[in-house]
């Protein structure tokens, strides 16, 4: 039973999880999780920009009882966050997808299943007890995408996330340096890397190397996962076709521009997700948190906005909610935690984030997460943000 998982006693901060996963995982795998595009700076900028937003403590408020539950669309969740879509998650440890799905059910929060996940849409929906949302990228093969949408609808998925910020895959120097690609190719360098991390290697060998299972199980004919293939021919008509094909809720992920956000709203999307792909696409982009209040102002107060990129703590979640997000997603902390100590590490990092969120909600003088707004920010202390 998932409730019997004992949280790791090795992890007390996100930095602990990063340090332990770096030690436990092959360099090739850790760098895939930790790396960003270009010079790697944008991932750090995302976190730095969030950290420079300081919150203002309030006193003499009765904050004994605090509510963290949040509604988005017609869904009621126990917390204002969920798990972002991540491809090939089982690289962080065999059955990581399953751990994440079960953790989402345990906490009554959504998990987003990547079209490039190591576990099928069907199995993830079962493991998460229906808490799964589905994510697709803009088209490599339209036939394949439409097949996935039909599969998802038949399974019972109600929310689709269309990721639009990868028309062309950015250069990721760490992956290139390590010879990371798919299909995986093992040369002398990779063999030595795996040999120096026997626990991961033997467990992966026993469980089987991760594969993009939604591709492998595809009936559309083309079962080859082409990670670096361009999707650059897509345009606004792509969004129109997806909107026509998908009758459930539609979130457009990877929006950093107010004009784009307005056009997406007009095109019939149900929400947008402000994101720079965790710093893994345009390396010279701004931090996602800096774009968030501008996009909220453009869209008005009522249109749902989700947020990701740089989230590492409960305080970061409060910051994003204060600047206009309705709901927050994160992914890397899950991978670090699983890489550090498997399901126990995952349970621990989620517990830490929940505890931080609850504690800091009270320290800013509030008792309900739905009351969070920009008034909790000590604006006078961060007028001149420096990266």
Protein backbone atom coordinates (compact mmCIF):
# COMPACT_ATOMS: atom_id res chain seq x y z
CA UNK A 1 0.00 0.00 0.00
CA UNK A 2 1.31 3.45 -0.91
CA UNK A 3 0.41 4.91 2.50
CA UNK A 4 2.92 2.52 4.11
CA UNK A 5 5.91 4.12 2.36
CA UNK A 6 8.27 5.48 4.99
CA UNK A 7 9.73 8.88 4.03
CA UNK A 8 13.48 8.93 3.50
CA UNK A 9 15.57 10.04 6.47
CA UNK A 10 18.40 11.04 4.13
CA UNK A 11 16.68 14.09 2.63
CA UNK A 12 16.04 17.31 4.53
CA UNK A 13 16.25 19.83 1.67
CA UNK A 14 16.10 19.80 -2.12
CA UNK A 15 19.88 20.22 -2.08
CA UNK A 16 20.18 16.92 -0.20
CA UNK A 17 18.17 15.21 -2.92
CA UNK A 18 20.33 16.75 -5.65
CA UNK A 19 23.56 15.74 -3.91
CA UNK A 20 22.44 12.16 -3.25
CA UNK A 21 21.02 11.62 -6.73
CA UNK A 22 24.22 12.94 -8.29
CA UNK A 23 26.15 10.34 -6.30
CA UNK A 24 23.74 7.47 -6.96
CA UNK A 25 23.01 7.98 -10.66
CA UNK A 26 25.27 7.63 -13.69
CA UNK A 27 26.58 11.00 -14.82
CA UNK A 28 24.74 10.63 -18.12
CA UNK A 29 21.43 10.20 -16.31
CA UNK A 30 21.96 12.91 -13.68
CA UNK A 31 22.99 15.43 -16.33
CA UNK A 32 19.87 14.61 -18.38
CA UNK A 33 17.73 15.41 -15.33
CA UNK A 34 19.69 18.41 -14.08
CA UNK A 35 20.78 19.95 -17.36
CA UNK A 36 19.34 22.84 -19.32
CA UNK A 37 19.84 24.29 -22.78
CA UNK A 38 22.91 26.13 -23.99
CA UNK A 39 25.15 27.16 -21.10
CA UNK A 40 22.75 25.80 -18.44
CA UNK A 41 22.20 29.28 -16.97
CA UNK A 42 18.45 29.62 -17.48
CA UNK A 43 17.56 26.82 -15.06
CA UNK A 44 19.58 28.65 -12.41
CA UNK A 45 18.03 31.98 -13.40
CA UNK A 46 14.54 30.51 -12.91
CA UNK A 47 15.37 29.57 -9.32
CA UNK A 48 17.28 32.78 -8.58
CA UNK A 49 14.44 34.96 -9.83
CA UNK A 50 11.98 33.12 -7.61
CA UNK A 51 14.28 33.36 -4.62
CA UNK A 52 14.62 37.13 -4.99
CA UNK A 53 10.88 37.53 -4.48
CA UNK A 54 10.73 37.98 -0.72
CA UNK A 55 7.58 37.38 1.29
CA UNK A 56 6.43 39.64 4.12
CA UNK A 57 5.65 38.03 7.49
CA UNK A 58 2.54 39.15 9.36
CA UNK A 59 1.84 38.82 13.09
CA UNK A 60 -1.14 38.63 15.46
CA UNK A 61 -3.22 36.59 13.03
CA UNK A 62 -4.89 33.39 14.18
CA UNK A 63 -3.32 30.88 11.78
CA UNK A 64 -3.78 27.72 13.85
CA UNK A 65 -5.82 25.96 11.15
CA UNK A 66 -4.75 26.24 7.51
CA UNK A 67 -6.33 25.03 4.27
CA UNK A 68 -4.17 24.06 1.28
CA UNK A 69 -6.89 22.61 -0.97
CA UNK A 70 -7.37 24.13 -4.40
CA UNK A 71 -9.90 23.88 -7.20
CA UNK A 72 -8.99 24.15 -10.87
CA UNK A 73 -11.56 23.60 -13.59
CA UNK A 74 -14.05 21.27 -11.89
CA UNK A 75 -11.41 19.34 -9.96
CA UNK A 76 -10.87 19.65 -6.23
CA UNK A 77 -7.31 18.83 -5.15
CA UNK A 78 -5.82 18.66 -1.67
CA UNK A 79 -2.90 20.91 -2.63
CA UNK A 80 -2.31 23.75 -5.13
CA UNK A 81 0.30 21.83 -7.08
CA UNK A 82 0.76 18.82 -9.32
CA UNK A 83 3.45 16.88 -11.11
CA UNK A 84 4.69 18.23 -14.44
CA UNK A 85 5.03 15.99 -17.51
CA UNK A 86 8.46 14.41 -17.90
CA UNK A 87 9.64 12.07 -20.62
CA UNK A 88 11.61 8.90 -19.90
CA UNK A 89 11.17 9.34 -16.15
CA UNK A 90 12.24 5.77 -15.45
CA UNK A 91 15.80 6.84 -16.16
CA UNK A 92 15.90 8.33 -12.65
CA UNK A 93 15.12 4.87 -11.28
CA UNK A 94 13.18 1.88 -12.62
CA UNK A 95 9.41 2.27 -12.09
CA UNK A 96 9.76 5.99 -11.29
CA UNK A 97 6.63 6.66 -13.37
CA UNK A 98 4.68 4.26 -11.18
CA UNK A 99 6.01 5.89 -8.00
CA UNK A 100 4.96 9.34 -9.21
CA UNK A 101 1.51 8.17 -10.28
CA UNK A 102 0.86 6.47 -6.95
CA UNK A 103 2.11 9.52 -5.06
CA UNK A 104 -0.36 11.72 -6.95
CA UNK A 105 -3.22 9.44 -5.92
CA UNK A 106 -1.99 9.38 -2.31
CA UNK A 107 -1.96 13.19 -2.16
CA UNK A 108 -5.04 13.79 -4.35
CA UNK A 109 -3.15 15.91 -6.88
CA UNK A 110 -2.75 15.56 -10.66
CA UNK A 111 0.17 13.96 -12.44
CA UNK A 112 0.81 14.83 -16.08
CA UNK A 113 1.69 11.87 -18.27
CA UNK A 114 4.14 12.75 -21.02
CA UNK A 115 3.56 11.29 -24.46
CA UNK A 116 7.22 10.19 -24.10
CA UNK A 117 6.65 8.54 -20.73
CA UNK A 118 8.27 5.22 -19.89
CA UNK A 119 4.84 3.82 -18.96
CA UNK A 120 1.70 3.68 -21.07
CA UNK A 121 -1.21 6.07 -20.73
CA UNK A 122 -3.34 3.14 -19.64
CA UNK A 123 -1.05 1.98 -16.83
CA UNK A 124 -0.42 5.51 -15.56
CA UNK A 125 -4.16 6.15 -15.32
CA UNK A 126 -4.52 2.97 -13.28
CA UNK A 127 -1.54 3.65 -11.01
CA UNK A 128 -2.72 7.22 -10.34
CA UNK A 129 -6.30 6.08 -9.66
CA UNK A 130 -7.56 8.48 -12.31
CA UNK A 131 -5.45 11.46 -11.23
CA UNK A 132 -3.63 11.59 -14.59
CA UNK A 133 -3.66 14.37 -17.14
CA UNK A 134 -2.17 13.75 -20.57
CA UNK A 135 0.57 15.77 -22.29
CA UNK A 136 1.44 15.88 -25.97
CA UNK A 137 3.97 17.85 -27.98
CA UNK A 138 3.11 19.67 -31.17
CA UNK A 139 3.08 17.30 -34.06
CA UNK A 140 5.82 15.01 -35.21
CA UNK A 141 3.18 12.75 -36.72
CA UNK A 142 -0.40 14.04 -36.75
CA UNK A 143 -1.71 10.50 -37.17
CA UNK A 144 0.12 9.41 -34.02
CA UNK A 145 -1.13 12.42 -32.03
CA UNK A 146 -4.75 11.84 -33.02
CA UNK A 147 -4.38 8.18 -32.08
CA UNK A 148 -3.11 9.20 -28.64
CA UNK A 149 -6.05 11.57 -28.16
CA UNK A 150 -8.51 8.79 -28.94
CA UNK A 151 -6.68 6.42 -26.60
CA UNK A 152 -6.72 8.99 -23.81
CA UNK A 153 -10.40 9.75 -24.26
CA UNK A 154 -11.24 6.06 -24.18
CA UNK A 155 -9.24 5.54 -21.00
CA UNK A 156 -10.98 8.40 -19.19
CA UNK A 157 -8.49 11.28 -19.34
CA UNK A 158 -10.26 14.63 -18.96
CA UNK A 159 -7.37 17.10 -19.29
CA UNK A 160 -4.90 17.50 -22.16
CA UNK A 161 -1.72 19.57 -22.00
CA UNK A 162 -0.34 20.67 -25.36
CA UNK A 163 3.32 21.67 -25.03
CA UNK A 164 4.12 24.27 -27.68
CA UNK A 165 7.60 25.57 -26.85
CA UNK A 166 9.56 22.81 -28.59
CA UNK A 167 9.14 23.46 -32.33
CA UNK A 168 12.87 22.75 -32.49
CA UNK A 169 14.77 20.91 -29.76
CA UNK A 170 17.43 23.13 -28.24
CA UNK A 171 21.06 22.12 -27.95
CA UNK A 172 21.83 20.58 -24.58
CA UNK A 173 25.57 20.57 -24.11
CA UNK A 174 25.65 18.10 -21.22
CA UNK A 175 23.70 15.51 -23.20
CA UNK A 176 25.98 16.00 -26.20
CA UNK A 177 29.08 15.74 -24.04
CA UNK A 178 27.84 12.52 -22.44
CA UNK A 179 26.66 10.96 -25.68
CA UNK A 180 23.07 10.86 -24.46
CA UNK A 181 20.46 10.11 -27.08
CA UNK A 182 17.66 7.76 -28.02
CA UNK A 183 17.89 4.98 -29.02
CA UNK A 184 20.57 4.61 -26.34
CA UNK A 185 24.04 3.80 -27.58
CA UNK A 186 26.56 2.36 -25.16
CA UNK A 187 30.22 2.99 -25.92
CA UNK A 188 33.28 2.74 -23.66
CA UNK A 189 32.50 6.07 -21.93
CA UNK A 190 28.91 5.11 -21.14
CA UNK A 191 29.93 1.58 -20.10
CA UNK A 192 32.40 2.99 -17.56
CA UNK A 193 29.78 5.44 -16.27
CA UNK A 194 27.31 2.60 -15.71
CA UNK A 195 29.96 0.35 -14.15
CA UNK A 196 30.74 3.01 -11.55
CA UNK A 197 27.05 3.07 -10.52
CA UNK A 198 26.25 -0.65 -10.12
CA UNK A 199 23.04 -0.32 -8.11
CA UNK A 200 21.32 1.76 -10.79
CA UNK A 201 22.80 -0.34 -13.59
CA UNK A 202 21.86 -3.73 -12.15
CA UNK A 203 18.35 -2.58 -11.21
CA UNK A 204 17.84 -1.12 -14.69
CA UNK A 205 19.21 -4.27 -16.29
CA UNK A 206 16.82 -6.40 -14.23
CA UNK A 207 13.78 -4.20 -14.91
CA UNK A 208 14.69 -3.38 -18.51
CA UNK A 209 15.95 -0.18 -20.10
CA UNK A 210 13.24 2.52 -20.28
CA UNK A 211 11.42 2.97 -23.57
CA UNK A 212 8.86 5.58 -24.73
CA UNK A 213 5.98 3.17 -24.24
CA UNK A 214 3.25 5.27 -25.85
CA UNK A 215 5.29 5.15 -29.04
CA UNK A 216 6.12 1.47 -28.67
CA UNK A 217 2.43 0.58 -28.27
CA UNK A 218 1.29 2.87 -31.09
CA UNK A 219 -0.92 1.42 -33.83
CA UNK A 220 -0.30 4.29 -36.22
CA UNK A 221 2.62 2.56 -37.90
CA UNK A 222 5.54 4.74 -36.84
CA UNK A 223 6.78 3.50 -33.49
CA UNK A 224 10.16 5.26 -33.54
CA UNK A 225 10.67 7.99 -30.97
CA UNK A 226 12.57 10.74 -32.79
CA UNK A 227 13.67 13.00 -29.94
CA UNK A 228 15.45 15.60 -32.06
CA UNK A 229 13.07 15.74 -35.02
CA UNK A 230 11.87 19.26 -35.84
CA UNK A 231 8.24 20.16 -35.22
CA UNK A 232 8.75 23.60 -36.68
CA UNK A 233 6.04 23.39 -39.34
CA UNK A 234 3.25 23.70 -36.78
CA UNK A 235 1.23 26.92 -36.55
CA UNK A 236 -2.04 28.30 -35.17
CA UNK A 237 -3.97 25.81 -37.29
CA UNK A 238 -2.31 23.07 -35.25
CA UNK A 239 -3.98 24.44 -32.14
CA UNK A 240 -7.28 24.64 -33.99
CA UNK A 241 -7.09 20.96 -34.99
CA UNK A 242 -6.22 19.85 -31.47
CA UNK A 243 -9.07 21.93 -30.02
CA UNK A 244 -11.51 20.35 -32.47
CA UNK A 245 -10.27 16.84 -31.72
CA UNK A 246 -10.17 17.12 -27.92
CA UNK A 247 -13.45 17.67 -26.08
CA UNK A 248 -11.99 17.79 -22.56
CA UNK A 249 -10.07 20.59 -20.87
CA UNK A 250 -7.12 21.91 -22.90
CA UNK A 251 -4.06 23.57 -21.35
CA UNK A 252 -1.42 25.17 -23.59
CA UNK A 253 2.00 24.81 -21.96
CA UNK A 254 5.11 26.84 -22.74
CA UNK A 255 3.63 30.34 -23.00
CA UNK A 256 5.93 33.28 -22.16
CA UNK A 257 4.34 36.09 -24.18
CA UNK A 258 1.18 38.08 -23.41
CA UNK A 259 0.15 38.41 -27.05
CA UNK A 260 0.42 34.65 -27.54
CA UNK A 261 -1.56 34.09 -24.35
CA UNK A 262 -4.43 36.27 -25.60
CA UNK A 263 -4.53 34.48 -28.97
CA UNK A 264 -4.53 31.10 -27.23
CA UNK A 265 -7.44 32.20 -25.06
CA UNK A 266 -9.35 33.39 -28.12
CA UNK A 267 -8.65 30.06 -29.86
CA UNK A 268 -10.66 28.22 -27.22
CA UNK A 269 -8.06 26.83 -24.84
CA UNK A 270 -9.23 26.38 -21.26
CA UNK A 271 -5.96 27.49 -19.62
CA UNK A 272 -2.35 28.31 -20.31
CA UNK A 273 0.79 27.22 -18.51
CA UNK A 274 3.47 29.88 -18.16
CA UNK A 275 6.73 27.99 -18.61
CA UNK A 276 10.15 28.20 -20.23
CA UNK A 277 10.46 24.41 -20.14
CA UNK A 278 12.52 24.52 -16.97
CA UNK A 279 15.27 26.35 -18.83
CA UNK A 280 15.60 23.56 -21.39
CA UNK A 281 14.60 25.45 -24.55
CA UNK A 282 15.47 29.09 -25.40
CA UNK A 283 18.53 29.62 -23.22
CA UNK A 284 18.33 33.42 -23.50
CA UNK A 285 14.70 33.62 -22.34
CA UNK A 286 13.66 35.41 -19.17
CA UNK A 287 12.75 33.60 -15.98
CA UNK A 288 9.21 32.24 -16.12
CA UNK A 289 8.24 33.97 -12.89
CA UNK A 290 9.01 37.36 -14.48
CA UNK A 291 6.61 36.64 -17.35
CA UNK A 292 3.81 35.43 -15.07
CA UNK A 293 2.45 38.76 -13.73
CA UNK A 294 2.58 40.33 -17.19
CA UNK A 295 0.54 37.50 -18.67
CA UNK A 296 -1.91 37.57 -15.76
CA UNK A 297 -2.46 41.29 -16.35
CA UNK A 298 -3.10 40.68 -20.06
CA UNK A 299 -5.55 37.81 -19.50
CA UNK A 300 -7.46 39.32 -16.58
CA UNK A 301 -8.29 37.70 -13.28
CA UNK A 302 -10.61 34.92 -14.37
CA UNK A 303 -8.69 32.91 -16.98
CA UNK A 304 -6.86 29.91 -15.44
CA UNK A 305 -3.06 30.06 -15.45
CA UNK A 306 -0.75 27.25 -14.40
CA UNK A 307 2.94 27.83 -13.76
CA UNK A 308 6.18 25.86 -13.81
CA UNK A 309 9.96 26.34 -14.11
CA UNK A 310 12.24 26.78 -11.13
CA UNK A 311 9.91 25.53 -8.38
CA UNK A 312 11.95 23.99 -5.57
CA UNK A 313 10.00 24.68 -2.36
CA UNK A 314 6.74 25.57 -0.69
CA UNK A 315 7.84 29.21 -0.70
CA UNK A 316 8.26 29.07 -4.48
CA UNK A 317 4.69 27.81 -4.81
CA UNK A 318 3.45 30.72 -2.68
CA UNK A 319 5.42 33.15 -4.85
CA UNK A 320 3.88 31.83 -8.05
CA UNK A 321 0.36 31.92 -6.61
CA UNK A 322 0.94 35.48 -5.38
CA UNK A 323 1.97 36.64 -8.84
CA UNK A 324 -1.07 35.26 -10.61
CA UNK A 325 -0.90 31.48 -10.98
CA UNK A 326 -3.96 29.42 -10.11
CA UNK A 327 -2.00 26.18 -9.90
CA UNK A 328 1.67 25.21 -9.86
CA UNK A 329 3.53 22.27 -11.43
CA UNK A 330 7.04 20.94 -10.88
CA UNK A 331 9.12 18.03 -12.11
CA UNK A 332 12.84 18.08 -11.38
CA UNK A 333 12.44 17.78 -7.57
CA UNK A 334 10.63 14.48 -8.16
CA UNK A 335 13.45 13.13 -10.29
CA UNK A 336 16.12 14.23 -7.82
CA UNK A 337 14.22 12.63 -4.94
CA UNK A 338 13.66 9.33 -6.73
CA UNK A 339 17.26 9.26 -7.89
CA UNK A 340 18.34 9.86 -4.29
CA UNK A 341 16.19 7.27 -2.51
CA UNK A 342 13.42 5.87 -4.70
CA UNK A 343 9.81 5.98 -3.50
CA UNK A 344 10.97 6.93 0.01
CA UNK A 345 12.82 9.92 -1.40
CA UNK A 346 9.76 10.97 -3.38
CA UNK A 347 7.50 10.73 -0.33
CA UNK A 348 9.98 12.80 1.67
CA UNK A 349 10.37 15.63 -0.84
CA UNK A 350 6.59 15.97 -1.28
CA UNK A 351 6.13 16.01 2.50
CA UNK A 352 8.77 18.73 2.80
CA UNK A 353 7.09 20.87 0.14
CA UNK A 354 3.67 20.44 1.79
CA UNK A 355 5.08 21.32 5.21
CA UNK A 356 6.88 24.40 3.87
CA UNK A 357 3.77 25.53 2.07
CA UNK A 358 1.56 25.18 5.14
CA UNK A 359 4.09 26.77 7.49
CA UNK A 360 4.83 29.73 5.26
CA UNK A 361 1.15 30.31 4.50
CA UNK A 362 0.69 30.86 8.22
CA UNK A 363 3.80 33.00 8.55
CA UNK A 364 2.49 35.47 5.95
CA UNK A 365 -0.68 35.72 8.04
CA UNK A 366 -3.09 33.58 6.01
CA UNK A 367 -5.12 30.46 6.71
CA UNK A 368 -6.41 29.61 3.23
CA UNK A 369 -4.27 29.07 0.13
CA UNK A 370 -7.04 30.64 -1.94
CA UNK A 371 -6.43 33.97 -0.17
CA UNK A 372 -2.86 34.26 -1.47
CA UNK A 373 -2.26 37.33 -3.63
CA UNK A 374 0.49 39.85 -4.31
CA UNK A 375 -0.05 41.47 -0.90
CA UNK A 376 2.16 38.78 0.67
CA UNK A 377 5.15 40.00 -1.35
CA UNK A 378 7.56 42.48 0.22
CA UNK A 379 7.74 44.48 -3.00
CA UNK A 380 10.08 47.15 -1.67
CA UNK A 381 12.80 44.53 -1.26
CA UNK A 382 12.96 43.25 -4.82
CA UNK A 383 12.39 46.17 -7.16
CA UNK A 384 15.71 45.60 -8.90
CA UNK A 385 15.99 41.89 -9.57
CA UNK A 386 19.51 40.77 -10.46
CA UNK A 387 20.24 37.38 -11.90
